[in-house]
PDB file of all heavy atoms in Angstrom:
ATOM      1  N   ILE A   1     245.107  -1.161 -80.161  1.00  0.00           N
ATOM      2  CA  ILE A   1     244.062  -0.629 -79.279  1.00  0.00           C
ATOM      3  C   ILE A   1     244.389  -0.938 -77.822  1.00  0.00           C
ATOM      4  O   ILE A   1     244.254  -0.087 -76.930  1.00  0.00           O
ATOM      5  CB  ILE A   1     242.682  -1.209 -79.657  1.00  0.00           C
ATOM      6  CG1 ILE A   1     242.118  -0.493 -80.873  1.00  0.00           C
ATOM      7  CG2 ILE A   1     241.703  -1.108 -78.504  1.00  0.00           C
ATOM      8  CD1 ILE A   1     241.583   0.895 -80.588  1.00  0.00           C
ATOM      9  N   LEU A   2     244.837  -2.160 -77.572  1.00  0.00           N
ATOM     10  CA  LEU A   2     245.195  -2.541 -76.203  1.00  0.00           C
ATOM     11  C   LEU A   2     246.360  -1.708 -75.675  1.00  0.00           C
ATOM     12  O   LEU A   2     246.275  -1.100 -74.609  1.00  0.00           O
ATOM     13  CB  LEU A   2     245.586  -4.022 -76.164  1.00  0.00           C
ATOM     14  CG  LEU A   2     244.504  -5.072 -75.957  1.00  0.00           C
ATOM     15  CD1 LEU A   2     245.124  -6.462 -75.963  1.00  0.00           C
ATOM     16  CD2 LEU A   2     243.740  -4.852 -74.662  1.00  0.00           C
ATOM     17  N   THR A   3     247.447  -1.697 -76.411  1.00  0.00           N
ATOM     18  CA  THR A   3     248.675  -1.093 -75.885  1.00  0.00           C
ATOM     19  C   THR A   3     248.683   0.421 -75.982  1.00  0.00           C
ATOM     20  O   THR A   3     249.104   1.106 -75.041  1.00  0.00           O
ATOM     21  CB  THR A   3     249.901  -1.672 -76.607  1.00  0.00           C
ATOM     22  OG1 THR A   3     249.761  -1.474 -78.024  1.00  0.00           O
ATOM     23  CG2 THR A   3     250.039  -3.160 -76.322  1.00  0.00           C
ATOM     24  N   PHE A   4     248.202   0.974 -77.102  1.00  0.00           N
ATOM     25  CA  PHE A   4     248.216   2.436 -77.252  1.00  0.00           C
ATOM     26  C   PHE A   4     247.272   3.093 -76.253  1.00  0.00           C
ATOM     27  O   PHE A   4     247.454   4.257 -75.897  1.00  0.00           O
ATOM     28  CB  PHE A   4     247.827   2.842 -78.672  1.00  0.00           C
ATOM     29  CG  PHE A   4     248.825   2.438 -79.745  1.00  0.00           C
ATOM     30  CD1 PHE A   4     249.955   1.696 -79.435  1.00  0.00           C
ATOM     31  CD2 PHE A   4     248.633   2.801 -81.058  1.00  0.00           C
ATOM     32  CE1 PHE A   4     250.867   1.317 -80.412  1.00  0.00           C
ATOM     33  CE2 PHE A   4     249.530   2.445 -82.050  1.00  0.00           C
ATOM     34  CZ  PHE A   4     250.650   1.687 -81.727  1.00  0.00           C
ATOM     35  N   SER A   5     246.254   2.363 -75.802  1.00  0.00           N
ATOM     36  CA  SER A   5     245.336   2.898 -74.800  1.00  0.00           C
ATOM     37  C   SER A   5     245.908   2.771 -73.390  1.00  0.00           C
ATOM     38  O   SER A   5     245.305   3.256 -72.435  1.00  0.00           O
ATOM     39  CB  SER A   5     244.000   2.142 -74.853  1.00  0.00           C
ATOM     40  OG  SER A   5     244.171   0.808 -74.403  1.00  0.00           O
ATOM     41  N   GLY A   6     247.058   2.104 -73.283  1.00  0.00           N
ATOM     42  CA  GLY A   6     247.597   1.821 -71.955  1.00  0.00           C
ATOM     43  C   GLY A   6     246.788   0.762 -71.238  1.00  0.00           C
ATOM     44  O   GLY A   6     246.785   0.687 -70.011  1.00  0.00           O
ATOM     45  N   LEU A   7     246.081  -0.090 -72.017  1.00  0.00           N
ATOM     46  CA  LEU A   7     245.149  -1.091 -71.492  1.00  0.00           C
ATOM     47  C   LEU A   7     244.137  -0.452 -70.564  1.00  0.00           C
ATOM     48  O   LEU A   7     243.721  -1.016 -69.564  1.00  0.00           O
ATOM     49  CB  LEU A   7     245.890  -2.245 -70.815  1.00  0.00           C
ATOM     50  CG  LEU A   7     246.609  -3.124 -71.829  1.00  0.00           C
ATOM     51  CD1 LEU A   7     248.105  -3.010 -71.691  1.00  0.00           C
ATOM     52  CD2 LEU A   7     246.167  -4.573 -71.701  1.00  0.00           C
ATOM     53  N   ASP A   8     243.761   0.760 -70.935  1.00  0.00           N
ATOM     54  CA  ASP A   8     242.801   1.519 -70.152  1.00  0.00           C
ATOM     55  C   ASP A   8     241.559   1.775 -71.006  1.00  0.00           C
ATOM     56  O   ASP A   8     241.012   0.841 -71.569  1.00  0.00           O
ATOM     57  CB  ASP A   8     243.453   2.826 -69.679  1.00  0.00           C
ATOM     58  CG  ASP A   8     242.753   3.432 -68.480  1.00  0.00           C
ATOM     59  OD1 ASP A   8     241.595   3.068 -68.234  1.00  0.00           O
ATOM     60  OD2 ASP A   8     243.359   4.284 -67.793  1.00  0.00           O
ATOM     61  N   SER A   9     241.153   3.017 -71.140  1.00  0.00           N
ATOM     62  CA  SER A   9     239.891   3.334 -71.809  1.00  0.00           C
ATOM     63  C   SER A   9     240.084   3.759 -73.257  1.00  0.00           C
ATOM     64  O   SER A   9     241.088   4.376 -73.611  1.00  0.00           O
ATOM     65  CB  SER A   9     239.169   4.446 -71.048  1.00  0.00           C
ATOM     66  OG  SER A   9     238.854   4.032 -69.734  1.00  0.00           O
ATOM     67  N   VAL A  10     239.084   3.438 -74.070  1.00  0.00           N
ATOM     68  CA  VAL A  10     239.007   3.888 -75.458  1.00  0.00           C
ATOM     69  C   VAL A  10     237.771   4.775 -75.575  1.00  0.00           C
ATOM     70  O   VAL A  10     236.700   4.434 -75.064  1.00  0.00           O
ATOM     71  CB  VAL A  10     238.902   2.696 -76.430  1.00  0.00           C
ATOM     72  CG1 VAL A  10     238.707   3.178 -77.863  1.00  0.00           C
ATOM     73  CG2 VAL A  10     240.140   1.817 -76.318  1.00  0.00           C
ATOM     74  N   PHE A  11     237.925   5.908 -76.230  1.00  0.00           N
ATOM     75  CA  PHE A  11     236.797   6.829 -76.434  1.00  0.00           C
ATOM     76  C   PHE A  11     236.100   6.451 -77.730  1.00  0.00           C
ATOM     77  O   PHE A  11     236.740   6.349 -78.773  1.00  0.00           O
ATOM     78  CB  PHE A  11     237.288   8.276 -76.500  1.00  0.00           C
ATOM     79  CG  PHE A  11     236.213   9.289 -76.215  1.00  0.00           C
ATOM     80  CD1 PHE A  11     235.981   9.724 -74.924  1.00  0.00           C
ATOM     81  CD2 PHE A  11     235.434   9.813 -77.243  1.00  0.00           C
ATOM     82  CE1 PHE A  11     234.989  10.662 -74.647  1.00  0.00           C
ATOM     83  CE2 PHE A  11     234.430  10.739 -76.981  1.00  0.00           C
ATOM     84  CZ  PHE A  11     234.212  11.173 -75.675  1.00  0.00           C
ATOM     85  N   TYR A  12     234.787   6.246 -77.652  1.00  0.00           N
ATOM     86  CA  TYR A  12     234.044   5.796 -78.828  1.00  0.00           C
ATOM     87  C   TYR A  12     233.171   6.918 -79.372  1.00  0.00           C
ATOM     88  O   TYR A  12     232.397   7.534 -78.633  1.00  0.00           O
ATOM     89  CB  TYR A  12     233.166   4.589 -78.473  1.00  0.00           C
ATOM     90  CG  TYR A  12     232.678   3.840 -79.694  1.00  0.00           C
ATOM     91  CD1 TYR A  12     233.390   2.750 -80.179  1.00  0.00           C
ATOM     92  CD2 TYR A  12     231.525   4.225 -80.370  1.00  0.00           C
ATOM     93  CE1 TYR A  12     232.959   2.066 -81.312  1.00  0.00           C
ATOM     94  CE2 TYR A  12     231.098   3.556 -81.497  1.00  0.00           C
ATOM     95  CZ  TYR A  12     231.808   2.478 -81.959  1.00  0.00           C
ATOM     96  OH  TYR A  12     231.391   1.809 -83.080  1.00  0.00           O
ATOM     97  N   LEU A  13     233.306   7.184 -80.676  1.00  0.00           N
ATOM     98  CA  LEU A  13     232.543   8.223 -81.344  1.00  0.00           C
ATOM     99  C   LEU A  13     231.568   7.583 -82.337  1.00  0.00           C
ATOM    100  O   LEU A  13     231.998   6.925 -83.291  1.00  0.00           O
ATOM    101  CB  LEU A  13     233.476   9.186 -82.075  1.00  0.00           C
ATOM    102  CG  LEU A  13     234.339  10.084 -81.181  1.00  0.00           C
ATOM    103  CD1 LEU A  13     235.328  10.884 -82.012  1.00  0.00           C
ATOM    104  CD2 LEU A  13     233.461  11.024 -80.379  1.00  0.00           C
ATOM    105  N   SER A  14     230.284   7.776 -82.121  1.00  0.00           N
ATOM    106  CA  SER A  14     229.274   7.150 -82.970  1.00  0.00           C
ATOM    107  C   SER A  14     228.645   8.109 -83.970  1.00  0.00           C
ATOM    108  O   SER A  14     227.882   7.685 -84.837  1.00  0.00           O
ATOM    109  CB  SER A  14     228.161   6.539 -82.103  1.00  0.00           C
ATOM    110  OG  SER A  14     227.557   7.538 -81.288  1.00  0.00           O
ATOM    111  N   ASP A  15     228.961   9.414 -83.870  1.00  0.00           N
ATOM    112  CA  ASP A  15     228.320  10.402 -84.736  1.00  0.00           C
ATOM    113  C   ASP A  15     229.075  10.661 -86.035  1.00  0.00           C
ATOM    114  O   ASP A  15     228.657  11.492 -86.844  1.00  0.00           O
ATOM    115  CB  ASP A  15     228.129  11.717 -83.979  1.00  0.00           C
ATOM    116  CG  ASP A  15     227.082  11.588 -82.880  1.00  0.00           C
ATOM    117  OD1 ASP A  15     226.209  10.711 -83.019  1.00  0.00           O
ATOM    118  OD2 ASP A  15     227.150  12.331 -81.887  1.00  0.00           O
ATOM    119  N   ALA A  16     230.189  10.006 -86.232  1.00  0.00           N
ATOM    120  CA  ALA A  16     230.903  10.024 -87.510  1.00  0.00           C
ATOM    121  C   ALA A  16     231.208   8.575 -87.865  1.00  0.00           C
ATOM    122  O   ALA A  16     231.189   7.704 -86.997  1.00  0.00           O
ATOM    123  CB  ALA A  16     232.178  10.850 -87.423  1.00  0.00           C
ATOM    124  N   LYS A  17     231.492   8.341 -89.124  1.00  0.00           N
ATOM    125  CA  LYS A  17     231.615   6.939 -89.558  1.00  0.00           C
ATOM    126  C   LYS A  17     232.785   6.745 -90.523  1.00  0.00           C
ATOM    127  O   LYS A  17     233.081   7.618 -91.345  1.00  0.00           O
ATOM    128  CB  LYS A  17     230.319   6.489 -90.233  1.00  0.00           C
ATOM    129  CG  LYS A  17     230.204   4.983 -90.444  1.00  0.00           C
ATOM    130  CD  LYS A  17     228.851   4.606 -90.998  1.00  0.00           C
ATOM    131  CE  LYS A  17     227.747   4.775 -89.980  1.00  0.00           C
ATOM    132  NZ  LYS A  17     227.835   3.791 -88.880  1.00  0.00           N
ATOM    133  N   VAL A  18     233.407   5.594 -90.397  1.00  0.00           N
ATOM    134  CA  VAL A  18     234.426   5.147 -91.344  1.00  0.00           C
ATOM    135  C   VAL A  18     233.849   3.968 -92.115  1.00  0.00           C
ATOM    136  O   VAL A  18     233.220   3.082 -91.525  1.00  0.00           O
ATOM    137  CB  VAL A  18     235.728   4.732 -90.623  1.00  0.00           C
ATOM    138  CG1 VAL A  18     236.760   4.222 -91.621  1.00  0.00           C
ATOM    139  CG2 VAL A  18     236.282   5.898 -89.817  1.00  0.00           C
ATOM    140  N   THR A  19     234.030   3.971 -93.413  1.00  0.00           N
ATOM    141  CA  THR A  19     233.592   2.843 -94.234  1.00  0.00           C
ATOM    142  C   THR A  19     234.819   2.047 -94.640  1.00  0.00           C
ATOM    143  O   THR A  19     235.723   2.567 -95.301  1.00  0.00           O
ATOM    144  CB  THR A  19     232.831   3.323 -95.482  1.00  0.00           C
ATOM    145  OG1 THR A  19     231.662   4.043 -95.058  1.00  0.00           O
ATOM    146  CG2 THR A  19     232.404   2.148 -96.340  1.00  0.00           C
ATOM    147  N   VAL A  20     234.840   0.805 -94.224  1.00  0.00           N
ATOM    148  CA  VAL A  20     235.984  -0.078 -94.459  1.00  0.00           C
ATOM    149  C   VAL A  20     235.609  -1.074 -95.546  1.00  0.00           C
ATOM    150  O   VAL A  20     234.597  -1.767 -95.443  1.00  0.00           O
ATOM    151  CB  VAL A  20     236.372  -0.821 -93.161  1.00  0.00           C
ATOM    152  CG1 VAL A  20     237.524  -1.784 -93.417  1.00  0.00           C
ATOM    153  CG2 VAL A  20     236.728   0.177 -92.059  1.00  0.00           C
ATOM    154  N   ARG A  21     236.429  -1.134 -96.578  1.00  0.00           N
ATOM    155  CA  ARG A  21     236.101  -1.988 -97.724  1.00  0.00           C
ATOM    156  C   ARG A  21     236.807  -3.338 -97.627  1.00  0.00           C
ATOM    157  O   ARG A  21     238.017  -3.414 -97.407  1.00  0.00           O
ATOM    158  CB  ARG A  21     236.497  -1.306 -99.031  1.00  0.00           C
ATOM    159  CG  ARG A  21     235.882  -1.956-100.272  1.00  0.00           C
ATOM    160  CD  ARG A  21     236.361  -1.275-101.534  1.00  0.00           C
ATOM    161  NE  ARG A  21     236.117   0.153-101.511  1.00  0.00           N
ATOM    162  CZ  ARG A  21     235.009   0.737-101.974  1.00  0.00           C
ATOM    163  NH1 ARG A  21     234.051   0.004-102.484  1.00  0.00           N
ATOM    164  NH2 ARG A  21     234.876   2.055-101.928  1.00  0.00           N
ATOM    165  N   MET A  22     236.026  -4.379 -97.800  1.00  0.00           N
ATOM    166  CA  MET A  22     236.572  -5.739 -97.867  1.00  0.00           C
ATOM    167  C   MET A  22     236.338  -6.272 -99.268  1.00  0.00           C
ATOM    168  O   MET A  22     235.194  -6.528 -99.651  1.00  0.00           O
ATOM    169  CB  MET A  22     235.916  -6.644 -96.821  1.00  0.00           C
ATOM    170  CG  MET A  22     236.474  -8.054 -96.793  1.00  0.00           C
ATOM    171  SD  MET A  22     235.660  -9.095 -95.546  1.00  0.00           S
ATOM    172  CE  MET A  22     236.216  -8.313 -94.039  1.00  0.00           C
ATOM    173  N   SER A  23     237.402  -6.391-100.035  1.00  0.00           N
ATOM    174  CA  SER A  23     237.278  -6.872-101.423  1.00  0.00           C
ATOM    175  C   SER A  23     238.334  -7.926-101.688  1.00  0.00           C
ATOM    176  O   SER A  23     239.271  -8.105-100.904  1.00  0.00           O
ATOM    177  CB  SER A  23     237.446  -5.705-102.402  1.00  0.00           C
ATOM    178  OG  SER A  23     238.767  -5.210-102.374  1.00  0.00           O
ATOM    179  N   THR A  24     238.212  -8.612-102.799  1.00  0.00           N
ATOM    180  CA  THR A  24     239.179  -9.652-103.130  1.00  0.00           C
ATOM    181  C   THR A  24     240.560  -9.075-103.423  1.00  0.00           C
ATOM    182  O   THR A  24     241.556  -9.794-103.399  1.00  0.00           O
ATOM    183  CB  THR A  24     238.698 -10.447-104.362  1.00  0.00           C
ATOM    184  OG1 THR A  24     238.404  -9.533-105.433  1.00  0.00           O
ATOM    185  CG2 THR A  24     237.436 -11.241-104.034  1.00  0.00           C
ATOM    186  N   SER A  25     240.626  -7.769-103.688  1.00  0.00           N
ATOM    187  CA  SER A  25     241.925  -7.146-103.940  1.00  0.00           C
ATOM    188  C   SER A  25     242.592  -6.658-102.664  1.00  0.00           C
ATOM    189  O   SER A  25     243.718  -6.178-102.692  1.00  0.00           O
ATOM    190  CB  SER A  25     241.765  -5.965-104.908  1.00  0.00           C
ATOM    191  OG  SER A  25     240.980  -4.934-104.331  1.00  0.00           O
ATOM    192  N   SER A  26     241.897  -6.787-101.530  1.00  0.00           N
ATOM    193  CA  SER A  26     242.470  -6.369-100.252  1.00  0.00           C
ATOM    194  C   SER A  26     242.937  -7.588 -99.467  1.00  0.00           C
ATOM    195  O   SER A  26     242.474  -8.711 -99.696  1.00  0.00           O
ATOM    196  CB  SER A  26     241.442  -5.594 -99.426  1.00  0.00           C
ATOM    197  OG  SER A  26     240.373  -6.437 -99.029  1.00  0.00           O
ATOM    198  N   ILE A  27     243.835  -7.363 -98.535  1.00  0.00           N
ATOM    199  CA  ILE A  27     244.329  -8.462 -97.701  1.00  0.00           C
ATOM    200  C   ILE A  27     243.185  -9.078 -96.908  1.00  0.00           C
ATOM    201  O   ILE A  27     243.084 -10.298 -96.769  1.00  0.00           O
ATOM    202  CB  ILE A  27     245.452  -7.963 -96.774  1.00  0.00           C
ATOM    203  CG1 ILE A  27     246.709  -7.645 -97.590  1.00  0.00           C
ATOM    204  CG2 ILE A  27     245.766  -8.995 -95.700  1.00  0.00           C
ATOM    205  CD1 ILE A  27     247.829  -7.024 -96.797  1.00  0.00           C
ATOM    206  N   SER A  28     242.309  -8.237 -96.388  1.00  0.00           N
ATOM    207  CA  SER A  28     241.210  -8.735 -95.560  1.00  0.00           C
ATOM    208  C   SER A  28     240.267  -9.650 -96.342  1.00  0.00           C
ATOM    209  O   SER A  28     239.705 -10.591 -95.778  1.00  0.00           O
ATOM    210  CB  SER A  28     240.423  -7.571 -94.960  1.00  0.00           C
ATOM    211  OG  SER A  28     239.938  -6.723 -95.986  1.00  0.00           O
ATOM    212  N   GLY A  29     240.102  -9.398 -97.642  1.00  0.00           N
ATOM    213  CA  GLY A  29     239.174 -10.188 -98.425  1.00  0.00           C
ATOM    214  C   GLY A  29     239.798 -11.292 -99.246  1.00  0.00           C
ATOM    215  O   GLY A  29     239.093 -12.068 -99.891  1.00  0.00           O
ATOM    216  N   ASP A  30     241.123 -11.399 -99.233  1.00  0.00           N
ATOM    217  CA  ASP A  30     241.834 -12.399-100.038  1.00  0.00           C
ATOM    218  C   ASP A  30     241.955 -13.709 -99.254  1.00  0.00           C
ATOM    219  O   ASP A  30     242.777 -13.836 -98.352  1.00  0.00           O
ATOM    220  CB  ASP A  30     243.229 -11.864-100.403  1.00  0.00           C
ATOM    221  CG  ASP A  30     243.917 -12.722-101.450  1.00  0.00           C
ATOM    222  OD1 ASP A  30     243.524 -13.894-101.601  1.00  0.00           O
ATOM    223  OD2 ASP A  30     244.850 -12.223-102.109  1.00  0.00           O
ATOM    224  N   LEU A  31     241.120 -14.667 -99.611  1.00  0.00           N
ATOM    225  CA  LEU A  31     241.088 -15.937 -98.887  1.00  0.00           C
ATOM    226  C   LEU A  31     242.357 -16.766 -99.086  1.00  0.00           C
ATOM    227  O   LEU A  31     242.674 -17.627 -98.258  1.00  0.00           O
ATOM    228  CB  LEU A  31     239.859 -16.752 -99.314  1.00  0.00           C
ATOM    229  CG  LEU A  31     238.496 -16.117 -98.992  1.00  0.00           C
ATOM    230  CD1 LEU A  31     237.371 -17.003 -99.509  1.00  0.00           C
ATOM    231  CD2 LEU A  31     238.347 -15.867 -97.499  1.00  0.00           C
ATOM    232  N   SER A  32     243.095 -16.514-100.159  1.00  0.00           N
ATOM    233  CA  SER A  32     244.314 -17.283-100.418  1.00  0.00           C
ATOM    234  C   SER A  32     245.405 -16.986 -99.385  1.00  0.00           C
ATOM    235  O   SER A  32     246.365 -17.739 -99.251  1.00  0.00           O
ATOM    236  CB  SER A  32     244.843 -16.994-101.823  1.00  0.00           C
ATOM    237  OG  SER A  32     245.336 -15.660-101.921  1.00  0.00           O
ATOM    238  N   LEU A  33     245.242 -15.883 -98.675  1.00  0.00           N
ATOM    239  CA  LEU A  33     246.236 -15.480 -97.672  1.00  0.00           C
ATOM    240  C   LEU A  33     245.840 -15.916 -96.256  1.00  0.00           C
ATOM    241  O   LEU A  33     246.521 -15.555 -95.299  1.00  0.00           O
ATOM    242  CB  LEU A  33     246.420 -13.957 -97.697  1.00  0.00           C
ATOM    243  CG  LEU A  33     246.820 -13.335 -99.037  1.00  0.00           C
ATOM    244  CD1 LEU A  33     246.851 -11.816 -98.911  1.00  0.00           C
ATOM    245  CD2 LEU A  33     248.176 -13.865 -99.491  1.00  0.00           C
ATOM    246  N   GLN A  34     244.748 -16.670 -96.154  1.00  0.00           N
ATOM    247  CA  GLN A  34     244.179 -16.932 -94.833  1.00  0.00           C
ATOM    248  C   GLN A  34     245.148 -17.618 -93.875  1.00  0.00           C
ATOM    249  O   GLN A  34     245.195 -17.282 -92.684  1.00  0.00           O
ATOM    250  CB  GLN A  34     242.911 -17.772 -94.959  1.00  0.00           C
ATOM    251  CG  GLN A  34     242.070 -17.806 -93.689  1.00  0.00           C
ATOM    252  CD  GLN A  34     241.632 -16.420 -93.256  1.00  0.00           C
ATOM    253  OE1 GLN A  34     241.103 -15.651 -94.053  1.00  0.00           O
ATOM    254  NE2 GLN A  34     241.859 -16.089 -91.990  1.00  0.00           N
ATOM    255  N   SER A  35     245.921 -18.574 -94.367  1.00  0.00           N
ATOM    256  CA  SER A  35     246.830 -19.301 -93.466  1.00  0.00           C
ATOM    257  C   SER A  35     247.887 -18.365 -92.876  1.00  0.00           C
ATOM    258  O   SER A  35     248.230 -18.468 -91.692  1.00  0.00           O
ATOM    259  CB  SER A  35     247.499 -20.469 -94.193  1.00  0.00           C
ATOM    260  OG  SER A  35     248.291 -20.009 -95.273  1.00  0.00           O
ATOM    261  N   LYS A  36     248.384 -17.437 -93.691  1.00  0.00           N
ATOM    262  CA  LYS A  36     249.385 -16.489 -93.193  1.00  0.00           C
ATOM    263  C   LYS A  36     248.745 -15.468 -92.254  1.00  0.00           C
ATOM    264  O   LYS A  36     249.361 -15.042 -91.270  1.00  0.00           O
ATOM    265  CB  LYS A  36     250.071 -15.786 -94.361  1.00  0.00           C
ATOM    266  CG  LYS A  36     250.955 -16.713 -95.177  1.00  0.00           C
ATOM    267  CD  LYS A  36     251.652 -15.981 -96.309  1.00  0.00           C
ATOM    268  CE  LYS A  36     252.544 -16.931 -97.094  1.00  0.00           C
ATOM    269  NZ  LYS A  36     253.218 -16.249 -98.228  1.00  0.00           N
ATOM    270  N   LYS A  37     247.506 -15.071 -92.549  1.00  0.00           N
ATOM    271  CA  LYS A  37     246.797 -14.164 -91.656  1.00  0.00           C
ATOM    272  C   LYS A  37     246.536 -14.849 -90.311  1.00  0.00           C
ATOM    273  O   LYS A  37     246.674 -14.226 -89.249  1.00  0.00           O
ATOM    274  CB  LYS A  37     245.490 -13.699 -92.290  1.00  0.00           C
ATOM    275  CG  LYS A  37     245.696 -12.771 -93.490  1.00  0.00           C
ATOM    276  CD  LYS A  37     244.401 -12.177 -94.003  1.00  0.00           C
ATOM    277  CE  LYS A  37     243.512 -13.175 -94.673  1.00  0.00           C
ATOM    278  NZ  LYS A  37     242.330 -12.556 -95.318  1.00  0.00           N
ATOM    279  N   ASP A  38     246.167 -16.121 -90.358  1.00  0.00           N
ATOM    280  CA  ASP A  38     245.935 -16.880 -89.126  1.00  0.00           C
ATOM    281  C   ASP A  38     247.199 -16.947 -88.278  1.00  0.00           C
ATOM    282  O   ASP A  38     247.143 -16.852 -87.047  1.00  0.00           O
ATOM    283  CB  ASP A  38     245.453 -18.290 -89.442  1.00  0.00           C
ATOM    284  CG  ASP A  38     244.027 -18.311 -89.982  1.00  0.00           C
ATOM    285  OD1 ASP A  38     243.312 -17.305 -89.829  1.00  0.00           O
ATOM    286  OD2 ASP A  38     243.642 -19.349 -90.564  1.00  0.00           O
ATOM    287  N   LEU A  39     248.345 -17.107 -88.945  1.00  0.00           N
ATOM    288  CA  LEU A  39     249.614 -17.139 -88.218  1.00  0.00           C
ATOM    289  C   LEU A  39     249.885 -15.792 -87.551  1.00  0.00           C
ATOM    290  O   LEU A  39     250.336 -15.733 -86.406  1.00  0.00           O
ATOM    291  CB  LEU A  39     250.757 -17.502 -89.161  1.00  0.00           C
ATOM    292  CG  LEU A  39     252.163 -17.498 -88.537  1.00  0.00           C
ATOM    293  CD1 LEU A  39     252.252 -18.510 -87.389  1.00  0.00           C
ATOM    294  CD2 LEU A  39     253.223 -17.795 -89.599  1.00  0.00           C
ATOM    295  N   GLY A  40     249.599 -14.701 -88.275  1.00  0.00           N
ATOM    296  CA  GLY A  40     249.786 -13.381 -87.696  1.00  0.00           C
ATOM    297  C   GLY A  40     248.936 -13.200 -86.450  1.00  0.00           C
ATOM    298  O   GLY A  40     249.413 -12.695 -85.430  1.00  0.00           O
ATOM    299  N   TYR A  41     247.676 -13.617 -86.534  1.00  0.00           N
ATOM    300  CA  TYR A  41     246.787 -13.485 -85.385  1.00  0.00           C
ATOM    301  C   TYR A  41     247.253 -14.364 -84.228  1.00  0.00           C
ATOM    302  O   TYR A  41     247.165 -13.979 -83.051  1.00  0.00           O
ATOM    303  CB  TYR A  41     245.356 -13.851 -85.775  1.00  0.00           C
ATOM    304  CG  TYR A  41     244.336 -13.323 -84.805  1.00  0.00           C
ATOM    305  CD1 TYR A  41     243.872 -12.021 -84.905  1.00  0.00           C
ATOM    306  CD2 TYR A  41     243.841 -14.113 -83.777  1.00  0.00           C
ATOM    307  CE1 TYR A  41     242.949 -11.513 -84.007  1.00  0.00           C
ATOM    308  CE2 TYR A  41     242.924 -13.625 -82.875  1.00  0.00           C
ATOM    309  CZ  TYR A  41     242.478 -12.323 -82.990  1.00  0.00           C
ATOM    310  OH  TYR A  41     241.571 -11.835 -82.084  1.00  0.00           O
ATOM    311  N   HIS A  42     247.778 -15.528 -84.554  1.00  0.00           N
ATOM    312  CA  HIS A  42     248.317 -16.443 -83.548  1.00  0.00           C
ATOM    313  C   HIS A  42     249.463 -15.778 -82.776  1.00  0.00           C
ATOM    314  O   HIS A  42     249.527 -15.862 -81.544  1.00  0.00           O
ATOM    315  CB  HIS A  42     248.809 -17.714 -84.252  1.00  0.00           C
ATOM    316  CG  HIS A  42     249.543 -18.674 -83.375  1.00  0.00           C
ATOM    317  ND1 HIS A  42     248.911 -19.486 -82.460  1.00  0.00           N
ATOM    318  CD2 HIS A  42     250.880 -18.951 -83.272  1.00  0.00           C
ATOM    319  CE1 HIS A  42     249.809 -20.229 -81.832  1.00  0.00           C
ATOM    320  NE2 HIS A  42     251.003 -19.924 -82.303  1.00  0.00           N
ATOM    321  N   ILE A  43     250.338 -15.104 -83.491  1.00  0.00           N
ATOM    322  CA  ILE A  43     251.469 -14.419 -82.854  1.00  0.00           C
ATOM    323  C   ILE A  43     250.964 -13.263 -81.990  1.00  0.00           C
ATOM    324  O   ILE A  43     251.459 -13.030 -80.878  1.00  0.00           O
ATOM    325  CB  ILE A  43     252.460 -13.916 -83.915  1.00  0.00           C
ATOM    326  CG1 ILE A  43     253.079 -15.096 -84.661  1.00  0.00           C
ATOM    327  CG2 ILE A  43     253.560 -13.063 -83.278  1.00  0.00           C
ATOM    328  CD1 ILE A  43     253.866 -14.709 -85.898  1.00  0.00           C
TER     329      ILE A  43
END
């Protein structure tokens, strides 16, 4: 979001929606991966 926008503006659309699923079978919901995810965010 930062770089692809050129660190400028992002256009926000509120009249359509994306539903993002967080489950134990996904990376976002798998707590066992947290240390590696934290490292990614650190980088």
